[in-house]
């Protein structure tokens, strides 16, 4: 280990719980199938943190497994080279793992399929900061994206609660992944595949979204 290095291994589970539509962890069957020689990605949080890199996600080769405690060697060259070096020994738990690269195919391990929501949408900033819930949403022809965008515009336009005392014209719209909105309020998830031209308003008495003409 490099001189002066000090770190802790981040537990990613709280992040996954808060952002289930944008932050995905390996399935239990994948974690259980780990073998010596596999690569796993974990997050190192530097202590004390540096201004430029407070934490780094890096790959580690599994060298030993003792129940849920794993030992391995660092495979990445850290940006903070005075903290760690390639080949340094690392001890961590299965719950610390962000991603897995199996050295050999693993039979009978089929993680559940899940849908990702990286398409973009326009949403009021008050929804993203959690100060308002989704009340009105509509889907128009996508027009925010550019040619070659990795994630296209979904066409969804999402407004927060109207009667929250805020001037709606002064709100700042954000162009973000649909999943970022769902992390804050997924009450409209069942509408996600509604066609262009759809409009819905939330009925707070029933909790349902009703079509708007």
N, C-alpha and C. Protein backbone atom coordinates (compact mmCIF):
# COMPACT_ATOMS: atom_id res chain seq x y z
N UNK A 1 0.84 -1.19 0.00
CA UNK A 1 0.00 0.00 0.00
C UNK A 1 0.88 1.24 0.00
N UNK A 2 0.53 2.25 -0.75
CA UNK A 2 1.34 3.46 -0.88
C UNK A 2 1.39 4.20 0.45
N UNK A 3 2.47 4.96 0.62
CA UNK A 3 2.65 5.71 1.85
C UNK A 3 1.51 6.70 2.04
N UNK A 4 1.01 6.77 3.27
CA UNK A 4 0.00 7.77 3.60
C UNK A 4 -1.39 7.42 3.11
N UNK A 5 -1.58 6.22 2.56
CA UNK A 5 -2.91 5.89 2.05
C UNK A 5 -3.85 5.58 3.20
N UNK A 6 -5.06 6.03 3.04
CA UNK A 6 -6.09 5.76 4.03
C UNK A 6 -7.43 5.83 3.32
N UNK A 7 -8.24 4.80 3.49
CA UNK A 7 -9.51 4.77 2.79
C UNK A 7 -10.49 3.89 3.55
N UNK A 8 -11.75 4.01 3.15
CA UNK A 8 -12.76 3.06 3.57
C UNK A 8 -13.50 2.60 2.33
N UNK A 9 -14.07 1.40 2.39
CA UNK A 9 -14.82 0.86 1.27
C UNK A 9 -16.27 1.26 1.43
N UNK A 10 -16.84 1.88 0.40
CA UNK A 10 -18.20 2.38 0.47
C UNK A 10 -19.21 1.25 0.40
N UNK A 11 -20.27 1.37 1.19
CA UNK A 11 -21.42 0.48 1.10
C UNK A 11 -22.41 1.11 0.12
N UNK A 12 -22.62 0.52 -1.06
CA UNK A 12 -23.49 1.14 -2.07
C UNK A 12 -24.97 0.92 -1.86
N UNK A 13 -25.35 0.10 -0.89
CA UNK A 13 -26.76 -0.26 -0.73
C UNK A 13 -27.66 0.93 -0.41
N UNK A 14 -27.25 1.88 0.45
CA UNK A 14 -28.11 3.04 0.68
C UNK A 14 -28.37 3.86 -0.58
N UNK A 15 -27.36 3.97 -1.45
CA UNK A 15 -27.55 4.71 -2.70
C UNK A 15 -28.54 3.98 -3.59
N UNK A 16 -28.40 2.66 -3.68
CA UNK A 16 -29.32 1.87 -4.51
C UNK A 16 -30.75 1.98 -3.99
N UNK A 17 -30.91 2.06 -2.67
CA UNK A 17 -32.25 2.16 -2.10
C UNK A 17 -32.88 3.52 -2.42
N UNK A 18 -32.07 4.57 -2.48
CA UNK A 18 -32.57 5.91 -2.76
C UNK A 18 -32.76 6.16 -4.25
N UNK A 19 -32.03 5.42 -5.09
CA UNK A 19 -32.09 5.65 -6.54
C UNK A 19 -32.29 4.33 -7.27
N UNK A 20 -33.41 3.64 -7.03
CA UNK A 20 -33.60 2.31 -7.61
C UNK A 20 -33.75 2.28 -9.13
N UNK A 21 -34.02 3.46 -9.74
CA UNK A 21 -34.22 3.49 -11.20
C UNK A 21 -32.97 3.90 -11.97
N UNK A 22 -31.90 4.25 -11.25
CA UNK A 22 -30.68 4.69 -11.93
C UNK A 22 -29.41 4.07 -11.35
N UNK A 23 -29.51 3.36 -10.24
CA UNK A 23 -28.33 2.78 -9.60
C UNK A 23 -28.60 1.31 -9.35
N UNK A 24 -27.88 0.44 -10.05
CA UNK A 24 -28.17 -0.98 -10.03
C UNK A 24 -26.97 -1.76 -9.49
N UNK A 25 -27.25 -2.72 -8.63
CA UNK A 25 -26.22 -3.56 -8.04
C UNK A 25 -26.35 -4.99 -8.55
N UNK A 26 -25.28 -5.78 -8.43
CA UNK A 26 -25.37 -7.19 -8.85
C UNK A 26 -26.45 -7.94 -8.08
N UNK A 27 -27.04 -8.91 -8.75
CA UNK A 27 -28.06 -9.74 -8.11
C UNK A 27 -27.40 -10.70 -7.11
N UNK A 28 -28.18 -11.15 -6.14
CA UNK A 28 -27.67 -12.06 -5.12
C UNK A 28 -27.06 -13.32 -5.74
N UNK A 29 -27.67 -13.82 -6.82
CA UNK A 29 -27.14 -15.02 -7.47
C UNK A 29 -25.76 -14.78 -8.07
N UNK A 30 -25.52 -13.56 -8.56
CA UNK A 30 -24.20 -13.21 -9.09
C UNK A 30 -23.18 -13.12 -7.97
N UNK A 31 -23.57 -12.48 -6.88
CA UNK A 31 -22.65 -12.35 -5.74
C UNK A 31 -22.29 -13.73 -5.19
N UNK A 32 -23.27 -14.63 -5.14
CA UNK A 32 -23.02 -15.96 -4.61
C UNK A 32 -22.12 -16.79 -5.52
N UNK A 33 -22.08 -16.43 -6.81
CA UNK A 33 -21.32 -17.21 -7.79
C UNK A 33 -19.87 -16.76 -7.91
N UNK A 34 -19.47 -15.76 -7.17
CA UNK A 34 -18.10 -15.25 -7.27
C UNK A 34 -17.07 -16.34 -6.98
N UNK A 35 -15.98 -16.31 -7.77
CA UNK A 35 -14.88 -17.25 -7.60
C UNK A 35 -13.56 -16.49 -7.64
N UNK A 36 -12.53 -17.13 -7.15
CA UNK A 36 -11.18 -16.57 -7.24
C UNK A 36 -10.85 -16.31 -8.71
N UNK A 37 -10.32 -15.16 -9.00
CA UNK A 37 -9.97 -14.78 -10.37
C UNK A 37 -10.96 -13.83 -11.00
N UNK A 38 -12.15 -13.72 -10.43
CA UNK A 38 -13.14 -12.77 -10.95
C UNK A 38 -12.74 -11.34 -10.60
N UNK A 39 -13.22 -10.41 -11.41
CA UNK A 39 -13.00 -8.98 -11.15
C UNK A 39 -14.26 -8.38 -10.56
N UNK A 40 -14.09 -7.54 -9.55
CA UNK A 40 -15.23 -6.84 -8.96
C UNK A 40 -14.87 -5.36 -8.84
N UNK A 41 -15.89 -4.53 -8.97
CA UNK A 41 -15.69 -3.08 -8.84
C UNK A 41 -16.21 -2.64 -7.48
N UNK A 42 -15.40 -1.86 -6.77
CA UNK A 42 -15.81 -1.31 -5.49
C UNK A 42 -15.38 0.15 -5.43
N UNK A 43 -15.97 0.88 -4.49
CA UNK A 43 -15.67 2.30 -4.34
C UNK A 43 -14.79 2.54 -3.13
N UNK A 44 -13.68 3.21 -3.35
CA UNK A 44 -12.76 3.58 -2.28
C UNK A 44 -13.01 5.04 -1.94
N UNK A 45 -13.32 5.31 -0.69
CA UNK A 45 -13.49 6.67 -0.22
C UNK A 45 -12.24 7.08 0.54
N UNK A 46 -11.57 8.10 0.03
CA UNK A 46 -10.30 8.53 0.62
C UNK A 46 -10.53 9.26 1.93
N UNK A 47 -9.68 8.96 2.91
CA UNK A 47 -9.75 9.61 4.21
C UNK A 47 -8.37 10.13 4.59
N UNK A 48 -8.22 11.45 4.74
CA UNK A 48 -9.25 12.47 4.45
C UNK A 48 -9.43 12.61 2.95
N UNK A 49 -10.59 13.10 2.50
CA UNK A 49 -10.85 13.22 1.06
C UNK A 49 -9.99 14.30 0.42
N UNK A 50 -9.65 14.08 -0.85
CA UNK A 50 -8.99 15.12 -1.63
C UNK A 50 -10.06 15.95 -2.32
N UNK A 51 -9.73 17.18 -2.64
CA UNK A 51 -10.69 18.07 -3.29
C UNK A 51 -11.09 17.52 -4.65
N UNK A 52 -10.12 17.02 -5.41
CA UNK A 52 -10.41 16.57 -6.77
C UNK A 52 -11.04 15.19 -6.80
N UNK A 53 -10.54 14.29 -5.99
CA UNK A 53 -11.07 12.93 -6.00
C UNK A 53 -11.33 12.50 -4.55
N UNK A 54 -12.58 12.64 -4.12
CA UNK A 54 -12.95 12.21 -2.78
C UNK A 54 -13.11 10.70 -2.72
N UNK A 55 -13.40 10.10 -3.89
CA UNK A 55 -13.59 8.65 -3.96
C UNK A 55 -13.29 8.19 -5.37
N UNK A 56 -12.96 6.91 -5.50
CA UNK A 56 -12.70 6.33 -6.82
C UNK A 56 -13.30 4.94 -6.90
N UNK A 57 -13.92 4.64 -8.03
CA UNK A 57 -14.42 3.30 -8.31
C UNK A 57 -13.33 2.54 -9.06
N UNK A 58 -12.92 1.40 -8.53
CA UNK A 58 -11.82 0.67 -9.15
C UNK A 58 -12.08 -0.83 -9.11
N UNK A 59 -11.40 -1.54 -10.03
CA UNK A 59 -11.54 -2.98 -10.14
C UNK A 59 -10.53 -3.69 -9.26
N UNK A 60 -10.96 -4.79 -8.67
CA UNK A 60 -10.13 -5.61 -7.79
C UNK A 60 -10.27 -7.06 -8.24
N UNK A 61 -9.15 -7.78 -8.33
CA UNK A 61 -9.19 -9.21 -8.63
C UNK A 61 -9.36 -10.00 -7.35
N UNK A 62 -10.36 -10.86 -7.32
CA UNK A 62 -10.62 -11.68 -6.14
C UNK A 62 -9.54 -12.75 -6.01
N UNK A 63 -8.88 -12.77 -4.84
CA UNK A 63 -7.81 -13.73 -4.59
C UNK A 63 -8.18 -14.77 -3.53
N UNK A 64 -9.12 -14.42 -2.65
CA UNK A 64 -9.51 -15.33 -1.58
C UNK A 64 -10.93 -15.00 -1.15
N UNK A 65 -11.71 -16.03 -0.83
CA UNK A 65 -13.08 -15.83 -0.38
C UNK A 65 -13.27 -16.59 0.93
N UNK A 66 -13.71 -15.88 1.94
CA UNK A 66 -13.98 -16.47 3.25
C UNK A 66 -15.40 -16.08 3.63
N UNK A 67 -16.36 -16.90 3.24
CA UNK A 67 -17.77 -16.60 3.45
C UNK A 67 -18.12 -15.30 2.71
N UNK A 68 -18.55 -14.28 3.43
CA UNK A 68 -18.92 -13.02 2.79
C UNK A 68 -17.80 -12.00 2.79
N UNK A 69 -16.62 -12.39 3.26
CA UNK A 69 -15.45 -11.52 3.25
C UNK A 69 -14.53 -11.96 2.12
N UNK A 70 -14.15 -10.99 1.27
CA UNK A 70 -13.29 -11.29 0.13
C UNK A 70 -11.99 -10.50 0.24
N UNK A 71 -10.94 -11.09 -0.29
CA UNK A 71 -9.65 -10.42 -0.36
C UNK A 71 -9.18 -10.42 -1.81
N UNK A 72 -8.56 -9.32 -2.20
CA UNK A 72 -8.11 -9.23 -3.57
C UNK A 72 -6.99 -8.25 -3.74
N UNK A 73 -6.63 -8.00 -5.00
CA UNK A 73 -5.57 -7.04 -5.31
C UNK A 73 -6.10 -5.99 -6.28
N UNK A 74 -5.67 -4.78 -6.08
CA UNK A 74 -6.13 -3.66 -6.90
C UNK A 74 -5.59 -3.79 -8.32
N UNK A 75 -6.49 -3.61 -9.32
CA UNK A 75 -6.11 -3.71 -10.72
C UNK A 75 -6.02 -2.36 -11.41
N UNK A 76 -6.66 -1.34 -10.89
CA UNK A 76 -6.62 0.00 -11.49
C UNK A 76 -5.46 0.82 -10.95
N UNK A 77 -5.00 1.75 -11.77
CA UNK A 77 -4.04 2.76 -11.31
C UNK A 77 -4.85 3.92 -10.76
N UNK A 78 -4.82 4.16 -9.45
CA UNK A 78 -5.64 5.24 -8.89
C UNK A 78 -5.17 6.61 -9.36
N UNK A 79 -6.11 7.56 -9.41
CA UNK A 79 -5.70 8.95 -9.64
C UNK A 79 -4.88 9.45 -8.45
N UNK A 80 -5.29 9.04 -7.24
CA UNK A 80 -4.57 9.43 -6.04
C UNK A 80 -3.46 8.40 -5.79
N UNK A 81 -2.36 8.57 -6.51
CA UNK A 81 -1.31 7.54 -6.52
C UNK A 81 -0.55 7.45 -5.21
N UNK A 82 -0.65 8.48 -4.36
CA UNK A 82 0.02 8.38 -3.07
C UNK A 82 -0.86 7.66 -2.04
N UNK A 83 -2.08 7.31 -2.44
CA UNK A 83 -2.98 6.60 -1.54
C UNK A 83 -2.90 5.08 -1.74
N UNK A 84 -2.88 4.64 -3.00
CA UNK A 84 -2.83 3.21 -3.32
C UNK A 84 -2.06 3.00 -4.61
N UNK A 85 -1.68 1.74 -4.83
CA UNK A 85 -1.00 1.37 -6.06
C UNK A 85 -1.58 0.06 -6.58
N UNK A 86 -1.39 -0.17 -7.88
CA UNK A 86 -1.80 -1.45 -8.47
C UNK A 86 -1.11 -2.58 -7.72
N UNK A 87 -1.88 -3.60 -7.40
CA UNK A 87 -1.35 -4.75 -6.68
C UNK A 87 -1.55 -4.70 -5.19
N UNK A 88 -1.99 -3.56 -4.66
CA UNK A 88 -2.24 -3.46 -3.22
C UNK A 88 -3.33 -4.44 -2.80
N UNK A 89 -3.17 -4.99 -1.60
CA UNK A 89 -4.17 -5.91 -1.05
C UNK A 89 -5.39 -5.14 -0.58
N UNK A 90 -6.58 -5.71 -0.81
CA UNK A 90 -7.84 -5.08 -0.42
C UNK A 90 -8.74 -6.14 0.20
N UNK A 91 -9.36 -5.80 1.31
CA UNK A 91 -10.34 -6.67 1.95
C UNK A 91 -11.70 -5.97 1.94
N UNK A 92 -12.75 -6.69 1.57
CA UNK A 92 -14.06 -6.07 1.42
C UNK A 92 -15.14 -7.14 1.56
N UNK A 93 -16.38 -6.71 1.65
CA UNK A 93 -17.50 -7.64 1.75
C UNK A 93 -18.25 -7.77 0.44
N UNK A 94 -19.04 -8.81 0.32
CA UNK A 94 -19.85 -8.97 -0.89
C UNK A 94 -20.77 -7.76 -1.08
N UNK A 95 -21.27 -7.21 0.00
CA UNK A 95 -22.22 -6.10 -0.09
C UNK A 95 -21.57 -4.83 -0.61
N UNK A 96 -20.23 -4.78 -0.69
CA UNK A 96 -19.53 -3.60 -1.19
C UNK A 96 -19.42 -3.58 -2.71
N UNK A 97 -19.81 -4.65 -3.37
CA UNK A 97 -19.53 -4.81 -4.80
C UNK A 97 -20.55 -4.07 -5.65
N UNK A 98 -20.03 -3.29 -6.61
CA UNK A 98 -20.86 -2.53 -7.54
C UNK A 98 -21.12 -3.28 -8.84
N UNK A 99 -20.12 -4.03 -9.30
CA UNK A 99 -20.23 -4.72 -10.59
C UNK A 99 -19.26 -5.90 -10.59
N UNK A 100 -19.53 -6.86 -11.48
CA UNK A 100 -18.74 -8.09 -11.55
C UNK A 100 -18.37 -8.39 -13.00
N UNK A 101 -17.13 -8.81 -13.20
CA UNK A 101 -16.70 -9.39 -14.47
C UNK A 101 -16.20 -10.80 -14.16
N UNK A 102 -16.98 -11.79 -14.55
CA UNK A 102 -16.60 -13.16 -14.27
C UNK A 102 -15.45 -13.59 -15.19
N UNK A 103 -14.47 -14.28 -14.63
CA UNK A 103 -13.34 -14.75 -15.42
C UNK A 103 -13.77 -15.83 -16.41
N UNK A 104 -14.74 -16.64 -16.00
CA UNK A 104 -15.27 -17.71 -16.84
C UNK A 104 -16.79 -17.66 -16.77
N UNK A 105 -17.47 -18.14 -17.82
CA UNK A 105 -18.93 -18.17 -17.77
C UNK A 105 -19.42 -18.95 -16.56
N UNK A 106 -20.47 -18.45 -15.94
CA UNK A 106 -21.02 -19.10 -14.75
C UNK A 106 -22.37 -19.69 -15.11
N UNK A 107 -22.50 -21.01 -15.06
CA UNK A 107 -23.80 -21.63 -15.42
C UNK A 107 -24.87 -21.34 -14.38
N UNK A 108 -26.10 -21.29 -14.87
CA UNK A 108 -27.27 -21.15 -14.00
C UNK A 108 -27.32 -19.84 -13.23
N UNK A 109 -26.57 -18.85 -13.66
CA UNK A 109 -26.65 -17.53 -13.04
C UNK A 109 -27.28 -16.59 -14.05
N UNK A 110 -28.52 -16.28 -13.82
CA UNK A 110 -29.25 -15.38 -14.70
C UNK A 110 -29.86 -14.27 -13.87
N UNK A 111 -29.18 -13.14 -13.79
CA UNK A 111 -29.75 -12.05 -13.00
C UNK A 111 -31.08 -11.61 -13.58
N UNK A 112 -31.99 -11.16 -12.75
CA UNK A 112 -33.30 -10.74 -13.25
C UNK A 112 -33.17 -9.58 -14.21
N UNK A 113 -33.99 -9.59 -15.24
CA UNK A 113 -33.97 -8.48 -16.18
C UNK A 113 -34.69 -7.28 -15.56
N UNK A 114 -34.13 -6.14 -15.75
CA UNK A 114 -34.77 -4.93 -15.27
C UNK A 114 -34.68 -3.86 -16.36
N UNK A 115 -35.63 -3.00 -16.34
CA UNK A 115 -35.67 -1.93 -17.33
C UNK A 115 -34.89 -0.73 -16.82
N UNK A 116 -34.13 -0.11 -17.70
CA UNK A 116 -33.41 1.11 -17.35
C UNK A 116 -34.13 2.30 -17.97
N UNK A 117 -34.06 3.41 -17.30
CA UNK A 117 -34.81 4.60 -17.70
C UNK A 117 -33.86 5.78 -17.93
N UNK A 118 -33.01 5.64 -18.95
CA UNK A 118 -32.03 6.69 -19.22
C UNK A 118 -32.49 7.71 -20.24
N UNK A 119 -33.64 7.47 -20.92
CA UNK A 119 -34.13 8.48 -21.84
C UNK A 119 -34.39 9.78 -21.07
N UNK A 120 -34.23 10.90 -21.75
CA UNK A 120 -34.32 12.19 -21.09
C UNK A 120 -35.74 12.74 -21.08
N UNK A 121 -35.96 13.68 -20.17
CA UNK A 121 -37.24 14.36 -20.07
C UNK A 121 -37.00 15.76 -19.51
N UNK A 122 -37.99 16.61 -19.61
CA UNK A 122 -37.96 17.93 -18.96
C UNK A 122 -38.81 17.86 -17.71
N UNK A 123 -38.28 18.34 -16.60
CA UNK A 123 -38.99 18.25 -15.33
C UNK A 123 -38.71 19.49 -14.50
N UNK A 124 -39.71 19.93 -13.73
CA UNK A 124 -39.51 21.05 -12.81
C UNK A 124 -38.44 20.69 -11.78
N UNK A 125 -37.60 21.66 -11.47
CA UNK A 125 -36.54 21.40 -10.50
C UNK A 125 -37.09 21.06 -9.11
N UNK A 126 -38.30 21.55 -8.81
CA UNK A 126 -38.88 21.27 -7.49
C UNK A 126 -39.22 19.79 -7.32
N UNK A 127 -39.44 19.08 -8.43
CA UNK A 127 -39.68 17.63 -8.35
C UNK A 127 -38.37 16.92 -8.05
N UNK A 128 -37.31 17.36 -8.70
CA UNK A 128 -36.01 16.71 -8.49
C UNK A 128 -35.46 16.95 -7.10
N UNK A 129 -35.73 18.11 -6.51
CA UNK A 129 -35.20 18.35 -5.17
C UNK A 129 -36.13 17.84 -4.08
N UNK A 130 -37.26 17.24 -4.49
CA UNK A 130 -38.16 16.62 -3.53
C UNK A 130 -39.12 17.55 -2.84
N UNK A 131 -39.15 18.82 -3.26
CA UNK A 131 -40.05 19.77 -2.59
C UNK A 131 -41.46 19.74 -3.16
N UNK A 132 -41.66 19.07 -4.28
CA UNK A 132 -42.99 18.95 -4.88
C UNK A 132 -43.12 17.58 -5.54
N UNK A 133 -44.33 17.08 -5.58
CA UNK A 133 -44.59 15.80 -6.25
C UNK A 133 -45.10 16.07 -7.66
N UNK A 134 -45.08 15.04 -8.48
CA UNK A 134 -45.57 15.16 -9.85
C UNK A 134 -47.09 15.33 -9.82
N UNK A 135 -47.57 16.38 -10.51
CA UNK A 135 -49.02 16.58 -10.60
C UNK A 135 -49.51 16.49 -12.03
N UNK A 136 -48.77 17.06 -12.97
CA UNK A 136 -49.22 17.12 -14.35
C UNK A 136 -48.07 16.69 -15.25
N UNK A 137 -48.37 15.85 -16.23
CA UNK A 137 -47.34 15.44 -17.17
C UNK A 137 -47.97 15.18 -18.53
N UNK A 138 -47.18 15.42 -19.55
CA UNK A 138 -47.65 15.18 -20.90
C UNK A 138 -46.46 14.75 -21.75
N UNK A 139 -46.79 14.11 -22.88
CA UNK A 139 -45.74 13.62 -23.76
C UNK A 139 -45.92 14.22 -25.13
N UNK A 140 -44.87 14.89 -25.59
CA UNK A 140 -44.89 15.52 -26.91
C UNK A 140 -43.83 14.90 -27.80
N UNK A 141 -43.83 15.29 -29.05
CA UNK A 141 -42.79 14.80 -29.95
C UNK A 141 -41.42 15.22 -29.41
N UNK A 142 -40.50 14.29 -29.28
CA UNK A 142 -39.18 14.64 -28.74
C UNK A 142 -38.51 15.72 -29.57
N UNK A 143 -37.98 16.75 -28.90
CA UNK A 143 -37.35 17.84 -29.63
C UNK A 143 -36.15 18.42 -28.89
N UNK A 144 -35.73 17.78 -27.80
CA UNK A 144 -34.63 18.32 -27.01
C UNK A 144 -33.29 17.70 -27.34
N UNK A 145 -33.32 16.55 -27.97
CA UNK A 145 -32.07 15.84 -28.22
C UNK A 145 -31.33 16.34 -29.44
N UNK A 146 -30.11 15.84 -29.58
CA UNK A 146 -29.27 16.14 -30.74
C UNK A 146 -28.84 14.84 -31.39
N UNK A 147 -28.47 14.91 -32.65
CA UNK A 147 -28.02 13.72 -33.37
C UNK A 147 -26.81 13.13 -32.64
N UNK A 148 -26.85 11.82 -32.45
CA UNK A 148 -25.74 11.15 -31.81
C UNK A 148 -25.83 11.08 -30.30
N UNK A 149 -26.90 11.64 -29.72
CA UNK A 149 -27.07 11.55 -28.27
C UNK A 149 -27.14 10.09 -27.85
N UNK A 150 -26.44 9.76 -26.78
CA UNK A 150 -26.48 8.39 -26.28
C UNK A 150 -27.87 8.05 -25.77
N UNK A 151 -28.50 9.02 -25.11
CA UNK A 151 -29.84 8.81 -24.56
C UNK A 151 -30.77 9.86 -25.15
N UNK A 152 -31.77 9.44 -25.90
CA UNK A 152 -32.65 10.38 -26.60
C UNK A 152 -33.68 11.01 -25.67
N UNK A 153 -34.28 12.06 -26.16
CA UNK A 153 -35.38 12.72 -25.48
C UNK A 153 -36.61 11.81 -25.54
N UNK A 154 -37.23 11.56 -24.40
CA UNK A 154 -38.42 10.71 -24.36
C UNK A 154 -39.68 11.45 -24.78
N UNK A 155 -39.63 12.79 -24.71
CA UNK A 155 -40.82 13.59 -24.98
C UNK A 155 -41.64 13.90 -23.73
N UNK A 156 -41.30 13.30 -22.60
CA UNK A 156 -42.06 13.56 -21.38
C UNK A 156 -41.72 14.93 -20.81
N UNK A 157 -42.78 15.67 -20.41
CA UNK A 157 -42.65 16.98 -19.77
C UNK A 157 -43.43 16.90 -18.46
N UNK A 158 -42.75 17.14 -17.35
CA UNK A 158 -43.29 16.80 -16.05
C UNK A 158 -43.30 18.03 -15.14
N UNK A 159 -44.47 18.33 -14.59
CA UNK A 159 -44.63 19.51 -13.73
C UNK A 159 -44.94 19.08 -12.30
N UNK A 160 -44.44 19.86 -11.37
CA UNK A 160 -44.71 19.60 -9.97
C UNK A 160 -46.05 20.17 -9.54
N UNK A 161 -46.34 20.02 -8.27
CA UNK A 161 -47.61 20.47 -7.70
C UNK A 161 -47.82 21.96 -7.98
N UNK A 162 -48.99 22.29 -8.53
CA UNK A 162 -49.25 23.68 -8.93
C UNK A 162 -49.56 24.59 -7.75
N UNK A 163 -50.28 24.09 -6.79
CA UNK A 163 -50.73 24.97 -5.70
C UNK A 163 -49.81 24.91 -4.49
N UNK A 164 -48.51 24.87 -4.74
CA UNK A 164 -47.56 24.83 -3.64
C UNK A 164 -47.05 26.21 -3.26
N UNK A 165 -47.67 27.25 -3.84
CA UNK A 165 -47.29 28.62 -3.51
C UNK A 165 -46.16 29.17 -4.35
N UNK A 166 -45.61 28.36 -5.23
CA UNK A 166 -44.49 28.80 -6.07
C UNK A 166 -45.02 29.29 -7.42
N UNK A 167 -44.40 30.34 -7.94
CA UNK A 167 -44.74 30.84 -9.27
C UNK A 167 -44.22 29.84 -10.29
N UNK A 168 -45.11 29.16 -10.99
CA UNK A 168 -44.69 28.10 -11.89
C UNK A 168 -43.85 28.61 -13.05
N UNK A 169 -44.08 29.86 -13.46
CA UNK A 169 -43.31 30.41 -14.57
C UNK A 169 -41.86 30.67 -14.17
N UNK A 170 -41.58 30.72 -12.87
CA UNK A 170 -40.23 30.98 -12.40
C UNK A 170 -39.44 29.70 -12.11
N UNK A 171 -40.10 28.58 -12.27
CA UNK A 171 -39.40 27.32 -12.04
C UNK A 171 -38.35 27.08 -13.13
N UNK A 172 -37.31 26.38 -12.76
CA UNK A 172 -36.24 26.06 -13.70
C UNK A 172 -36.40 24.62 -14.16
N UNK A 173 -36.66 24.38 -15.44
CA UNK A 173 -36.77 23.00 -15.91
C UNK A 173 -35.40 22.35 -16.02
N UNK A 174 -35.35 21.07 -15.75
CA UNK A 174 -34.11 20.31 -15.86
C UNK A 174 -34.29 19.23 -16.91
N UNK A 175 -33.25 19.03 -17.73
CA UNK A 175 -33.28 17.99 -18.76
C UNK A 175 -32.47 16.82 -18.22
N UNK A 176 -33.16 15.80 -17.73
CA UNK A 176 -32.51 14.71 -17.01
C UNK A 176 -33.07 13.37 -17.46
N UNK A 177 -32.47 12.30 -16.95
CA UNK A 177 -32.97 10.96 -17.21
C UNK A 177 -34.34 10.78 -16.56
N UNK A 178 -35.22 10.06 -17.25
CA UNK A 178 -36.53 9.77 -16.68
C UNK A 178 -36.37 9.06 -15.33
N UNK A 179 -35.36 8.22 -15.22
CA UNK A 179 -35.12 7.50 -13.97
C UNK A 179 -34.86 8.41 -12.80
N UNK A 180 -34.24 9.56 -13.05
CA UNK A 180 -33.97 10.52 -11.96
C UNK A 180 -35.28 11.05 -11.39
N UNK A 181 -36.29 11.22 -12.25
CA UNK A 181 -37.60 11.66 -11.79
C UNK A 181 -38.28 10.53 -11.02
N UNK A 182 -38.20 9.31 -11.56
CA UNK A 182 -38.83 8.17 -10.89
C UNK A 182 -38.22 7.92 -9.51
N UNK A 183 -36.94 8.21 -9.35
CA UNK A 183 -36.33 8.06 -8.03
C UNK A 183 -37.01 8.94 -6.99
N UNK A 184 -37.50 10.09 -7.44
CA UNK A 184 -38.16 11.02 -6.52
C UNK A 184 -39.66 10.76 -6.38
N UNK A 185 -40.29 10.36 -7.48
CA UNK A 185 -41.74 10.14 -7.48
C UNK A 185 -42.06 9.19 -8.62
N UNK A 186 -42.33 7.94 -8.28
CA UNK A 186 -42.64 6.94 -9.31
C UNK A 186 -44.13 6.64 -9.38
N UNK A 187 -44.94 7.54 -8.87
CA UNK A 187 -46.39 7.32 -8.88
C UNK A 187 -46.95 7.22 -10.29
N UNK A 188 -46.23 7.72 -11.29
CA UNK A 188 -46.71 7.73 -12.68
C UNK A 188 -46.04 6.66 -13.53
N UNK A 189 -45.35 5.72 -12.91
CA UNK A 189 -44.60 4.71 -13.66
C UNK A 189 -45.46 3.94 -14.65
N UNK A 190 -46.71 3.65 -14.28
CA UNK A 190 -47.59 2.88 -15.16
C UNK A 190 -47.90 3.60 -16.46
N UNK A 191 -47.60 4.89 -16.53
CA UNK A 191 -47.90 5.69 -17.72
C UNK A 191 -46.69 5.83 -18.64
N UNK A 192 -45.57 5.26 -18.28
CA UNK A 192 -44.30 5.55 -18.93
C UNK A 192 -44.33 5.27 -20.44
N UNK A 193 -45.15 4.33 -20.89
CA UNK A 193 -45.19 3.98 -22.31
C UNK A 193 -46.39 4.59 -23.02
N UNK A 194 -47.06 5.54 -22.38
CA UNK A 194 -48.18 6.21 -23.04
C UNK A 194 -47.68 6.92 -24.30
N UNK A 195 -48.48 6.98 -25.34
CA UNK A 195 -48.02 7.54 -26.61
C UNK A 195 -47.88 9.06 -26.58
N UNK A 196 -47.16 9.57 -27.57
CA UNK A 196 -47.05 11.02 -27.76
C UNK A 196 -48.46 11.61 -27.89
N UNK A 197 -48.68 12.72 -27.24
CA UNK A 197 -50.00 13.34 -27.22
C UNK A 197 -50.76 13.09 -25.93
N UNK A 198 -50.26 12.17 -25.11
CA UNK A 198 -50.93 11.86 -23.85
C UNK A 198 -50.72 12.99 -22.85
N UNK A 199 -51.76 13.23 -22.02
CA UNK A 199 -51.69 14.23 -20.95
C UNK A 199 -52.41 13.67 -19.73
N UNK A 200 -51.82 13.87 -18.58
CA UNK A 200 -52.40 13.33 -17.36
C UNK A 200 -52.27 14.33 -16.21
N UNK A 201 -53.28 14.33 -15.34
CA UNK A 201 -53.23 15.13 -14.13
C UNK A 201 -53.55 14.23 -12.93
N UNK A 202 -52.84 14.45 -11.88
CA UNK A 202 -53.00 13.62 -10.69
C UNK A 202 -54.23 14.02 -9.89
N UNK A 203 -55.01 13.02 -9.52
CA UNK A 203 -56.15 13.22 -8.62
C UNK A 203 -55.67 12.85 -7.22
N UNK A 204 -55.47 13.85 -6.38
CA UNK A 204 -54.89 13.59 -5.07
C UNK A 204 -55.86 12.92 -4.11
N UNK A 205 -57.13 12.89 -4.45
CA UNK A 205 -58.10 12.18 -3.62
C UNK A 205 -57.98 10.68 -3.81
N UNK A 206 -57.70 10.26 -5.03
CA UNK A 206 -57.61 8.83 -5.32
C UNK A 206 -56.18 8.35 -5.54
N UNK A 207 -55.26 9.30 -5.80
CA UNK A 207 -53.89 8.94 -6.10
C UNK A 207 -53.68 8.52 -7.54
N UNK A 208 -54.73 8.56 -8.35
CA UNK A 208 -54.64 8.14 -9.74
C UNK A 208 -54.37 9.33 -10.65
N UNK A 209 -53.82 9.04 -11.83
CA UNK A 209 -53.63 10.05 -12.87
C UNK A 209 -54.75 9.90 -13.89
N UNK A 210 -55.42 10.98 -14.15
CA UNK A 210 -56.55 10.95 -15.07
C UNK A 210 -56.18 11.66 -16.37
N UNK A 211 -56.61 11.10 -17.50
CA UNK A 211 -56.32 11.75 -18.79
C UNK A 211 -56.90 13.16 -18.83
N UNK A 212 -56.17 14.05 -19.49
CA UNK A 212 -56.61 15.43 -19.69
C UNK A 212 -56.85 15.64 -21.18
N UNK A 213 -57.96 16.21 -21.50
CA UNK A 213 -58.30 16.44 -22.92
C UNK A 213 -57.40 17.55 -23.49
